[in-house]
Amino acid sequence: MSEPTDCQSCGACCHATHPGHVPLTGEDHARLLPHEQETLVEFHGVRCFMKVADQRCVNLREEAGRFACAIYERRPQVCRDLELGDEACAFERERWGRELPS
């Protein structure tokens, strides 16, 4: 699989098959605006996660084949830790069949 040219041409890491795909820490939750805390987040017991709809994080936006996070400046730490081309990136790209031109 080729290396991605940029994250916005892929979006694979934001796709999900289960509601626990994007866990939130207390700091992540506090970073969200109050209306985002109410509409974008769900709790499973005492654990907090971003909602998933249509097999993707609810914050993923796609327009003209480009992907972007609607809350990029306030995104969770797990998302901040991902790096273009690292092992997690490669895993998600393979899992979602994202072959990109280099």
N, C-alpha and C. Protein backbone atom coordinates (compact mmCIF):
# COMPACT_ATOMS: atom_id res chain seq x y z
N MET A 1 0.85 -1.17 0.00
CA MET A 1 0.00 0.00 0.00
C MET A 1 0.90 1.23 0.00
N SER A 2 0.58 2.21 -0.81
CA SER A 2 1.40 3.40 -0.91
C SER A 2 1.18 4.32 0.29
N GLU A 3 2.15 5.20 0.51
CA GLU A 3 2.03 6.17 1.61
C GLU A 3 1.04 7.26 1.23
N PRO A 4 0.26 7.74 2.19
CA PRO A 4 -0.67 8.82 1.89
C PRO A 4 0.08 10.13 1.66
N THR A 5 -0.48 10.98 0.85
CA THR A 5 0.12 12.29 0.61
C THR A 5 -0.27 13.26 1.71
N ASP A 6 -1.45 13.12 2.28
CA ASP A 6 -1.88 13.91 3.42
C ASP A 6 -3.12 13.25 4.02
N CYS A 7 -3.39 13.59 5.26
CA CYS A 7 -4.51 12.97 5.98
C CYS A 7 -5.86 13.31 5.36
N GLN A 8 -5.98 14.46 4.78
CA GLN A 8 -7.27 14.86 4.24
C GLN A 8 -7.64 14.10 2.97
N SER A 9 -6.71 13.36 2.41
CA SER A 9 -7.05 12.55 1.24
C SER A 9 -7.46 11.13 1.64
N CYS A 10 -7.52 10.86 2.93
CA CYS A 10 -7.77 9.49 3.39
C CYS A 10 -8.95 9.39 4.36
N GLY A 11 -8.78 9.83 5.60
CA GLY A 11 -9.82 9.75 6.60
C GLY A 11 -10.04 8.38 7.20
N ALA A 12 -9.19 7.41 6.88
CA ALA A 12 -9.41 6.03 7.36
C ALA A 12 -9.41 5.93 8.87
N CYS A 13 -8.58 6.69 9.55
CA CYS A 13 -8.50 6.60 11.00
C CYS A 13 -9.79 7.05 11.69
N CYS A 14 -10.63 7.77 10.98
CA CYS A 14 -11.90 8.26 11.54
C CYS A 14 -13.06 7.32 11.26
N HIS A 15 -12.83 6.28 10.48
CA HIS A 15 -13.86 5.28 10.23
C HIS A 15 -13.89 4.30 11.40
N ALA A 16 -15.03 3.73 11.67
CA ALA A 16 -15.17 2.87 12.85
C ALA A 16 -16.28 1.85 12.64
N THR A 17 -16.12 0.71 13.28
CA THR A 17 -17.17 -0.31 13.23
C THR A 17 -17.85 -0.48 14.58
N HIS A 18 -17.37 0.21 15.62
CA HIS A 18 -17.96 0.07 16.94
C HIS A 18 -17.97 1.43 17.65
N PRO A 19 -18.87 1.61 18.59
CA PRO A 19 -19.02 2.91 19.24
C PRO A 19 -17.85 3.31 20.14
N GLY A 20 -16.96 2.41 20.49
CA GLY A 20 -15.84 2.75 21.36
C GLY A 20 -14.58 3.11 20.60
N HIS A 21 -14.69 3.49 19.35
CA HIS A 21 -13.52 3.74 18.50
C HIS A 21 -12.69 4.93 18.96
N VAL A 22 -13.33 5.99 19.43
CA VAL A 22 -12.61 7.19 19.84
C VAL A 22 -12.90 7.47 21.32
N PRO A 23 -12.06 6.93 22.20
CA PRO A 23 -12.25 7.18 23.63
C PRO A 23 -11.84 8.60 23.99
N LEU A 24 -12.51 9.16 24.99
CA LEU A 24 -12.20 10.50 25.46
C LEU A 24 -11.71 10.46 26.89
N THR A 25 -10.69 11.25 27.17
CA THR A 25 -10.25 11.45 28.55
C THR A 25 -11.08 12.59 29.13
N GLY A 26 -10.93 12.82 30.42
CA GLY A 26 -11.60 13.96 31.04
C GLY A 26 -11.15 15.27 30.41
N GLU A 27 -9.86 15.37 30.08
CA GLU A 27 -9.34 16.58 29.43
C GLU A 27 -9.94 16.75 28.04
N ASP A 28 -10.09 15.65 27.30
CA ASP A 28 -10.72 15.71 25.98
C ASP A 28 -12.14 16.26 26.10
N HIS A 29 -12.89 15.72 27.04
CA HIS A 29 -14.28 16.12 27.23
C HIS A 29 -14.35 17.60 27.61
N ALA A 30 -13.47 18.05 28.49
CA ALA A 30 -13.46 19.44 28.93
C ALA A 30 -13.10 20.40 27.79
N ARG A 31 -12.33 19.94 26.82
CA ARG A 31 -11.92 20.77 25.69
C ARG A 31 -13.10 21.05 24.73
N LEU A 32 -14.10 20.19 24.74
CA LEU A 32 -15.26 20.36 23.86
C LEU A 32 -16.15 21.49 24.35
N LEU A 33 -16.81 22.14 23.43
CA LEU A 33 -17.79 23.17 23.77
C LEU A 33 -19.00 22.49 24.43
N PRO A 34 -19.73 23.21 25.28
CA PRO A 34 -20.87 22.58 25.97
C PRO A 34 -21.85 21.87 25.05
N HIS A 35 -22.22 22.49 23.92
CA HIS A 35 -23.18 21.83 23.02
C HIS A 35 -22.55 20.59 22.37
N GLU A 36 -21.23 20.57 22.18
CA GLU A 36 -20.55 19.39 21.63
C GLU A 36 -20.56 18.26 22.66
N GLN A 37 -20.37 18.62 23.93
CA GLN A 37 -20.42 17.61 24.98
C GLN A 37 -21.78 16.91 25.01
N GLU A 38 -22.82 17.67 24.73
CA GLU A 38 -24.18 17.13 24.75
C GLU A 38 -24.54 16.33 23.51
N THR A 39 -24.00 16.71 22.34
CA THR A 39 -24.46 16.10 21.09
C THR A 39 -23.47 15.13 20.45
N LEU A 40 -22.18 15.24 20.73
CA LEU A 40 -21.18 14.43 20.05
C LEU A 40 -20.65 13.27 20.87
N VAL A 41 -20.99 13.23 22.13
CA VAL A 41 -20.39 12.29 23.08
C VAL A 41 -21.43 11.30 23.59
N GLU A 42 -20.98 10.07 23.84
CA GLU A 42 -21.85 9.09 24.49
C GLU A 42 -21.05 8.38 25.58
N PHE A 43 -21.76 7.95 26.60
CA PHE A 43 -21.14 7.26 27.71
C PHE A 43 -21.54 5.79 27.69
N HIS A 44 -20.60 4.94 28.00
CA HIS A 44 -20.82 3.51 28.21
C HIS A 44 -20.31 3.24 29.61
N GLY A 45 -21.23 3.19 30.56
CA GLY A 45 -20.82 3.11 31.96
C GLY A 45 -20.15 4.43 32.32
N VAL A 46 -18.94 4.35 32.85
CA VAL A 46 -18.21 5.56 33.21
C VAL A 46 -17.25 6.01 32.12
N ARG A 47 -17.19 5.27 31.02
CA ARG A 47 -16.28 5.62 29.92
C ARG A 47 -16.99 6.48 28.90
N CYS A 48 -16.23 7.39 28.32
CA CYS A 48 -16.77 8.39 27.41
C CYS A 48 -16.15 8.23 26.02
N PHE A 49 -16.97 8.36 24.98
CA PHE A 49 -16.52 8.16 23.60
C PHE A 49 -17.18 9.17 22.67
N MET A 50 -16.52 9.44 21.54
CA MET A 50 -17.17 10.19 20.47
C MET A 50 -18.22 9.26 19.86
N LYS A 51 -19.33 9.82 19.45
CA LYS A 51 -20.36 9.03 18.79
C LYS A 51 -19.87 8.56 17.42
N VAL A 52 -20.40 7.42 17.00
CA VAL A 52 -20.11 6.87 15.68
C VAL A 52 -21.44 6.73 14.95
N ALA A 53 -21.46 7.17 13.69
CA ALA A 53 -22.65 7.04 12.85
C ALA A 53 -22.19 6.72 11.44
N ASP A 54 -22.88 5.81 10.79
CA ASP A 54 -22.53 5.41 9.42
C ASP A 54 -21.07 4.97 9.31
N GLN A 55 -20.62 4.23 10.29
CA GLN A 55 -19.26 3.67 10.33
C GLN A 55 -18.16 4.73 10.29
N ARG A 56 -18.41 5.86 10.95
CA ARG A 56 -17.38 6.90 11.04
C ARG A 56 -17.66 7.77 12.26
N CYS A 57 -16.62 8.40 12.75
CA CYS A 57 -16.77 9.37 13.83
C CYS A 57 -17.72 10.46 13.34
N VAL A 58 -18.61 10.91 14.22
CA VAL A 58 -19.59 11.92 13.82
C VAL A 58 -18.95 13.24 13.41
N ASN A 59 -17.70 13.42 13.73
CA ASN A 59 -17.01 14.67 13.39
C ASN A 59 -16.34 14.66 12.02
N LEU A 60 -16.28 13.50 11.39
CA LEU A 60 -15.62 13.41 10.08
C LEU A 60 -16.53 14.00 9.00
N ARG A 61 -15.98 14.94 8.28
CA ARG A 61 -16.70 15.56 7.16
C ARG A 61 -15.98 15.20 5.88
N GLU A 62 -16.77 14.91 4.85
CA GLU A 62 -16.19 14.59 3.53
C GLU A 62 -16.83 15.51 2.50
N GLU A 63 -15.98 16.13 1.71
CA GLU A 63 -16.46 17.00 0.65
C GLU A 63 -15.49 16.91 -0.52
N ALA A 64 -16.01 16.55 -1.66
CA ALA A 64 -15.22 16.45 -2.89
C ALA A 64 -13.99 15.56 -2.71
N GLY A 65 -14.19 14.42 -2.01
CA GLY A 65 -13.09 13.48 -1.82
C GLY A 65 -12.05 13.90 -0.81
N ARG A 66 -12.31 14.94 -0.04
CA ARG A 66 -11.40 15.42 1.00
C ARG A 66 -12.07 15.20 2.35
N PHE A 67 -11.29 14.85 3.35
CA PHE A 67 -11.80 14.58 4.69
C PHE A 67 -11.27 15.61 5.68
N ALA A 68 -12.11 16.00 6.62
CA ALA A 68 -11.70 16.94 7.65
C ALA A 68 -12.48 16.69 8.93
N CYS A 69 -11.89 17.03 10.04
CA CYS A 69 -12.53 16.90 11.35
C CYS A 69 -13.24 18.20 11.67
N ALA A 70 -14.52 18.10 12.02
CA ALA A 70 -15.32 19.29 12.33
C ALA A 70 -14.90 19.95 13.63
N ILE A 71 -14.18 19.23 14.49
CA ILE A 71 -13.72 19.79 15.76
C ILE A 71 -12.20 19.70 15.88
N TYR A 72 -11.51 19.85 14.77
CA TYR A 72 -10.07 19.61 14.71
C TYR A 72 -9.29 20.27 15.86
N GLU A 73 -9.55 21.51 16.17
CA GLU A 73 -8.82 22.21 17.23
C GLU A 73 -9.11 21.63 18.61
N ARG A 74 -10.24 20.95 18.77
CA ARG A 74 -10.62 20.37 20.06
C ARG A 74 -10.64 18.84 20.02
N ARG A 75 -10.04 18.25 18.99
CA ARG A 75 -10.10 16.79 18.82
C ARG A 75 -9.47 16.07 20.02
N PRO A 76 -9.90 14.82 20.27
CA PRO A 76 -9.37 14.03 21.39
C PRO A 76 -7.87 13.74 21.24
N GLN A 77 -7.25 13.44 22.36
CA GLN A 77 -5.81 13.16 22.37
C GLN A 77 -5.45 11.96 21.50
N VAL A 78 -6.30 10.94 21.49
CA VAL A 78 -6.01 9.76 20.67
C VAL A 78 -5.89 10.16 19.20
N CYS A 79 -6.64 11.13 18.78
CA CYS A 79 -6.56 11.62 17.40
C CYS A 79 -5.31 12.48 17.21
N ARG A 80 -4.96 13.26 18.20
CA ARG A 80 -3.76 14.10 18.15
C ARG A 80 -2.50 13.24 18.06
N ASP A 81 -2.54 12.07 18.68
CA ASP A 81 -1.36 11.20 18.73
C ASP A 81 -1.09 10.47 17.41
N LEU A 82 -2.09 10.34 16.55
CA LEU A 82 -1.89 9.67 15.27
C LEU A 82 -0.97 10.49 14.38
N GLU A 83 -0.10 9.79 13.67
CA GLU A 83 0.80 10.48 12.75
C GLU A 83 0.69 9.87 11.37
N LEU A 84 0.72 10.71 10.38
CA LEU A 84 0.67 10.28 8.99
C LEU A 84 1.75 9.25 8.72
N GLY A 85 1.34 8.06 8.25
CA GLY A 85 2.28 7.02 7.87
C GLY A 85 2.79 6.14 8.99
N ASP A 86 2.36 6.38 10.27
CA ASP A 86 2.83 5.52 11.35
C ASP A 86 2.08 4.18 11.31
N GLU A 87 2.39 3.30 12.26
CA GLU A 87 1.79 1.96 12.26
C GLU A 87 0.27 2.01 12.37
N ALA A 88 -0.25 2.88 13.22
CA ALA A 88 -1.70 3.00 13.39
C ALA A 88 -2.35 3.49 12.09
N CYS A 89 -1.71 4.43 11.45
CA CYS A 89 -2.19 4.95 10.16
C CYS A 89 -2.22 3.82 9.12
N ALA A 90 -1.13 3.08 9.02
CA ALA A 90 -1.06 1.98 8.05
C ALA A 90 -2.12 0.92 8.34
N PHE A 91 -2.33 0.62 9.62
CA PHE A 91 -3.33 -0.38 10.01
C PHE A 91 -4.72 0.07 9.56
N GLU A 92 -5.09 1.31 9.87
CA GLU A 92 -6.42 1.82 9.50
C GLU A 92 -6.58 1.89 7.99
N ARG A 93 -5.55 2.32 7.28
CA ARG A 93 -5.64 2.39 5.82
C ARG A 93 -5.85 1.01 5.22
N GLU A 94 -5.14 0.02 5.73
CA GLU A 94 -5.30 -1.34 5.22
C GLU A 94 -6.69 -1.87 5.55
N ARG A 95 -7.13 -1.64 6.77
CA ARG A 95 -8.43 -2.12 7.23
C ARG A 95 -9.57 -1.54 6.39
N TRP A 96 -9.45 -0.30 5.97
CA TRP A 96 -10.51 0.36 5.22
C TRP A 96 -10.22 0.42 3.72
N GLY A 97 -9.15 -0.23 3.28
CA GLY A 97 -8.86 -0.32 1.86
C GLY A 97 -8.52 1.01 1.22
N ARG A 98 -7.77 1.82 1.91
CA ARG A 98 -7.41 3.14 1.40
C ARG A 98 -6.03 3.10 0.74
N GLU A 99 -6.01 2.90 -0.55
CA GLU A 99 -4.76 2.98 -1.30
C GLU A 99 -4.69 4.36 -1.89
N LEU A 100 -3.63 5.05 -1.60
CA LEU A 100 -3.51 6.43 -2.04
C LEU A 100 -2.29 6.63 -2.91
N PRO A 101 -2.36 7.55 -3.83
CA PRO A 101 -1.18 7.84 -4.64
C PRO A 101 -0.10 8.49 -3.80
N SER A 102 1.16 8.19 -4.10
CA SER A 102 2.24 8.81 -3.35
C SER A 102 2.71 10.07 -4.01
